[in-house]
Each structure stands twice: as structure tokens, then as C-alpha cells.
Amino acid sequence: MPYLTTEKKSGIFTNFGGSATNTGSIEAQIALITERISSISKHLQANKKDFSTHRGLMKMVGQRKRLLSYLQKHNLESYRALIEKLGLRK
């Protein structure tokens, strides 16, 4: 999809994973999924009857929830810093 270019992806990985090639870090994966969720949410606000995209969005939200719970169990300080940086929990 055109909303996530390679420059934007590498920027996310640099900000959250430490380097542009560190694509496997949990923080970078969560940030990437969050970016995808926000762009799909904007799409669904304009296209309310796009149910297949809505299903994909729900799957991504579940994946992010699983990754966040893993991060919370294994590295609580990093979890708190990440949700603060992304603005997920209020």
C-alpha cells in the first residue's frame, strides 16, 4: 500500500529499533503496526462499509495487543516508555 513507504518504515525502525536494519525488535514492530492501524482507521472513516479491511484492522489490533503483553512481561521499563512515546494508553 502506498501509505507506508520504505523511507517511512526505515524512519520508524530507526526511532524505535535503534537502527534502520533492526526490524526484529519488539518496539519497532509495535510502532510499525501502530502506524498501519492509524492509516487504516483513517481509510475506514471514509469507507464505512469496507468490512474486509475492518477485519484486517481487528487482526492487527490483536497482534499489537499480543506484542505489547509480551513486552510488558519481559521488559516493563521499555513497555512504559513505548506506550508513552506512541500515546497508546491514556
C-alpha atoms as a PDB file:
ATOM      1  CA  MET A   1       0.000   0.000   0.000  1.00  0.00           C
ATOM      2  CA  PRO A   2       1.279   3.481  -0.760  1.00  0.00           C
ATOM      3  CA  TYR A   3       0.745   4.864   2.741  1.00  0.00           C
ATOM      4  CA  LEU A   4       3.875   3.149   4.108  1.00  0.00           C
ATOM      5  CA  THR A   5       6.962   3.909   2.037  1.00  0.00           C
ATOM      6  CA  THR A   6      10.387   2.414   2.625  1.00  0.00           C
ATOM      7  CA  GLU A   7      11.675   5.764   3.923  1.00  0.00           C
ATOM      8  CA  LYS A   8       8.856   5.926   6.453  1.00  0.00           C
ATOM      9  CA  LYS A   9       9.498   2.321   7.529  1.00  0.00           C
ATOM     10  CA  SER A  10      13.211   2.926   7.973  1.00  0.00           C
ATOM     11  CA  GLY A  11      12.413   6.059   9.979  1.00  0.00           C
ATOM     12  CA  ILE A  12      10.163   4.045  12.289  1.00  0.00           C
ATOM     13  CA  PHE A  13      12.820   1.367  12.706  1.00  0.00           C
ATOM     14  CA  THR A  14      15.468   3.994  13.399  1.00  0.00           C
ATOM     15  CA  ASN A  15      13.340   5.780  16.012  1.00  0.00           C
ATOM     16  CA  PHE A  16      12.108   2.708  17.834  1.00  0.00           C
ATOM     17  CA  GLY A  17      14.539  -0.108  16.991  1.00  0.00           C
ATOM     18  CA  GLY A  18      17.840   1.716  17.203  1.00  0.00           C
ATOM     19  CA  SER A  19      18.873   1.348  13.552  1.00  0.00           C
ATOM     20  CA  ALA A  20      17.167   1.053  10.178  1.00  0.00           C
ATOM     21  CA  THR A  21      18.171  -2.588   9.858  1.00  0.00           C
ATOM     22  CA  ASN A  22      16.860  -3.650  13.280  1.00  0.00           C
ATOM     23  CA  THR A  23      13.450  -4.722  12.024  1.00  0.00           C
ATOM     24  CA  GLY A  24      13.012  -7.526  14.535  1.00  0.00           C
ATOM     25  CA  SER A  25      12.872  -5.529  17.749  1.00  0.00           C
ATOM     26  CA  ILE A  26       9.545  -5.694  19.539  1.00  0.00           C
ATOM     27  CA  GLU A  27       9.364  -1.915  19.921  1.00  0.00           C
ATOM     28  CA  ALA A  28       9.863  -1.362  16.190  1.00  0.00           C
ATOM     29  CA  GLN A  29       7.259  -3.977  15.298  1.00  0.00           C
ATOM     30  CA  ILE A  30       4.708  -2.388  17.626  1.00  0.00           C
ATOM     31  CA  ALA A  31       5.424   1.078  16.212  1.00  0.00           C
ATOM     32  CA  LEU A  32       5.032  -0.202  12.645  1.00  0.00           C
ATOM     33  CA  ILE A  33       1.736  -1.910  13.439  1.00  0.00           C
ATOM     34  CA  THR A  34       0.530   1.254  15.185  1.00  0.00           C
ATOM     35  CA  GLU A  35       1.324   3.307  12.084  1.00  0.00           C
ATOM     36  CA  ARG A  36      -0.565   0.835   9.899  1.00  0.00           C
ATOM     37  CA  ILE A  37      -3.538   0.837  12.303  1.00  0.00           C
ATOM     38  CA  SER A  38      -3.795   4.624  12.228  1.00  0.00           C
ATOM     39  CA  SER A  39      -3.737   4.781   8.424  1.00  0.00           C
ATOM     40  CA  ILE A  40      -6.321   2.002   8.085  1.00  0.00           C
ATOM     41  CA  SER A  41      -8.522   3.741  10.662  1.00  0.00           C
ATOM     42  CA  LYS A  42      -8.484   6.884   8.513  1.00  0.00           C
ATOM     43  CA  HIS A  43      -9.445   4.770   5.496  1.00  0.00           C
ATOM     44  CA  LEU A  44     -12.341   3.188   7.378  1.00  0.00           C
ATOM     45  CA  GLN A  45     -13.699   6.545   8.484  1.00  0.00           C
ATOM     46  CA  ALA A  46     -14.204   7.416   4.825  1.00  0.00           C
ATOM     47  CA  ASN A  47     -15.303   3.915   3.742  1.00  0.00           C
ATOM     48  CA  LYS A  48     -17.642   2.655   6.423  1.00  0.00           C
ATOM     49  CA  LYS A  49     -18.804  -0.442   4.523  1.00  0.00           C
ATOM     50  CA  ASP A  50     -15.352  -1.864   3.847  1.00  0.00           C
ATOM     51  CA  PHE A  51     -15.770  -4.904   6.073  1.00  0.00           C
ATOM     52  CA  SER A  52     -12.765  -6.891   4.850  1.00  0.00           C
ATOM     53  CA  THR A  53     -10.438  -4.038   5.754  1.00  0.00           C
ATOM     54  CA  HIS A  54     -12.175  -3.817   9.123  1.00  0.00           C
ATOM     55  CA  ARG A  55     -11.395  -7.488   9.738  1.00  0.00           C
ATOM     56  CA  GLY A  56      -7.741  -6.891   8.870  1.00  0.00           C
ATOM     57  CA  LEU A  57      -7.692  -3.938  11.250  1.00  0.00           C
ATOM     58  CA  MET A  58      -9.034  -6.082  14.083  1.00  0.00           C
ATOM     59  CA  LYS A  59      -6.363  -8.707  13.401  1.00  0.00           C
ATOM     60  CA  MET A  60      -3.647  -6.033  13.564  1.00  0.00           C
ATOM     61  CA  VAL A  61      -5.035  -4.662  16.818  1.00  0.00           C
ATOM     62  CA  GLY A  62      -4.908  -8.170  18.285  1.00  0.00           C
ATOM     63  CA  GLN A  63      -1.339  -8.669  17.075  1.00  0.00           C
ATOM     64  CA  ARG A  64      -0.271  -5.380  18.644  1.00  0.00           C
ATOM     65  CA  LYS A  65      -2.002  -6.362  21.886  1.00  0.00           C
ATOM     66  CA  ARG A  66      -0.109  -9.676  21.975  1.00  0.00           C
ATOM     67  CA  LEU A  67       3.214  -7.964  21.305  1.00  0.00           C
ATOM     68  CA  LEU A  68       2.525  -5.351  23.985  1.00  0.00           C
ATOM     69  CA  SER A  69       1.667  -8.008  26.550  1.00  0.00           C
ATOM     70  CA  TYR A  70       4.892  -9.856  25.706  1.00  0.00           C
ATOM     71  CA  LEU A  71       6.897  -6.665  26.119  1.00  0.00           C
ATOM     72  CA  GLN A  72       5.148  -5.890  29.400  1.00  0.00           C
ATOM     73  CA  LYS A  73       6.026  -9.308  30.811  1.00  0.00           C
ATOM     74  CA  HIS A  74       9.682  -9.228  29.741  1.00  0.00           C
ATOM     75  CA  ASN A  75      10.741  -5.570  29.901  1.00  0.00           C
ATOM     76  CA  LEU A  76       8.411  -3.328  31.884  1.00  0.00           C
ATOM     77  CA  GLU A  77      10.517  -0.160  31.597  1.00  0.00           C
ATOM     78  CA  SER A  78      10.675  -0.429  27.829  1.00  0.00           C
ATOM     79  CA  TYR A  79       6.926  -1.100  27.711  1.00  0.00           C
ATOM     80  CA  ARG A  80       6.148   2.038  29.696  1.00  0.00           C
ATOM     81  CA  ALA A  81       8.473   4.139  27.554  1.00  0.00           C
ATOM     82  CA  LEU A  82       6.930   2.798  24.347  1.00  0.00           C
ATOM     83  CA  ILE A  83       3.304   3.419  25.283  1.00  0.00           C
ATOM     84  CA  GLU A  84       4.285   6.918  26.378  1.00  0.00           C
ATOM     85  CA  LYS A  85       6.082   7.578  23.109  1.00  0.00           C
ATOM     86  CA  LEU A  86       3.263   6.200  20.950  1.00  0.00           C
ATOM     87  CA  GLY A  87       0.482   7.646  23.094  1.00  0.00           C
ATOM     88  CA  LEU A  88      -1.461   4.390  23.284  1.00  0.00           C
ATOM     89  CA  ARG A  89      -2.814   4.244  26.832  1.00  0.00           C
ATOM     90  CA  LYS A  90      -4.459   7.191  28.489  1.00  0.00           C
END
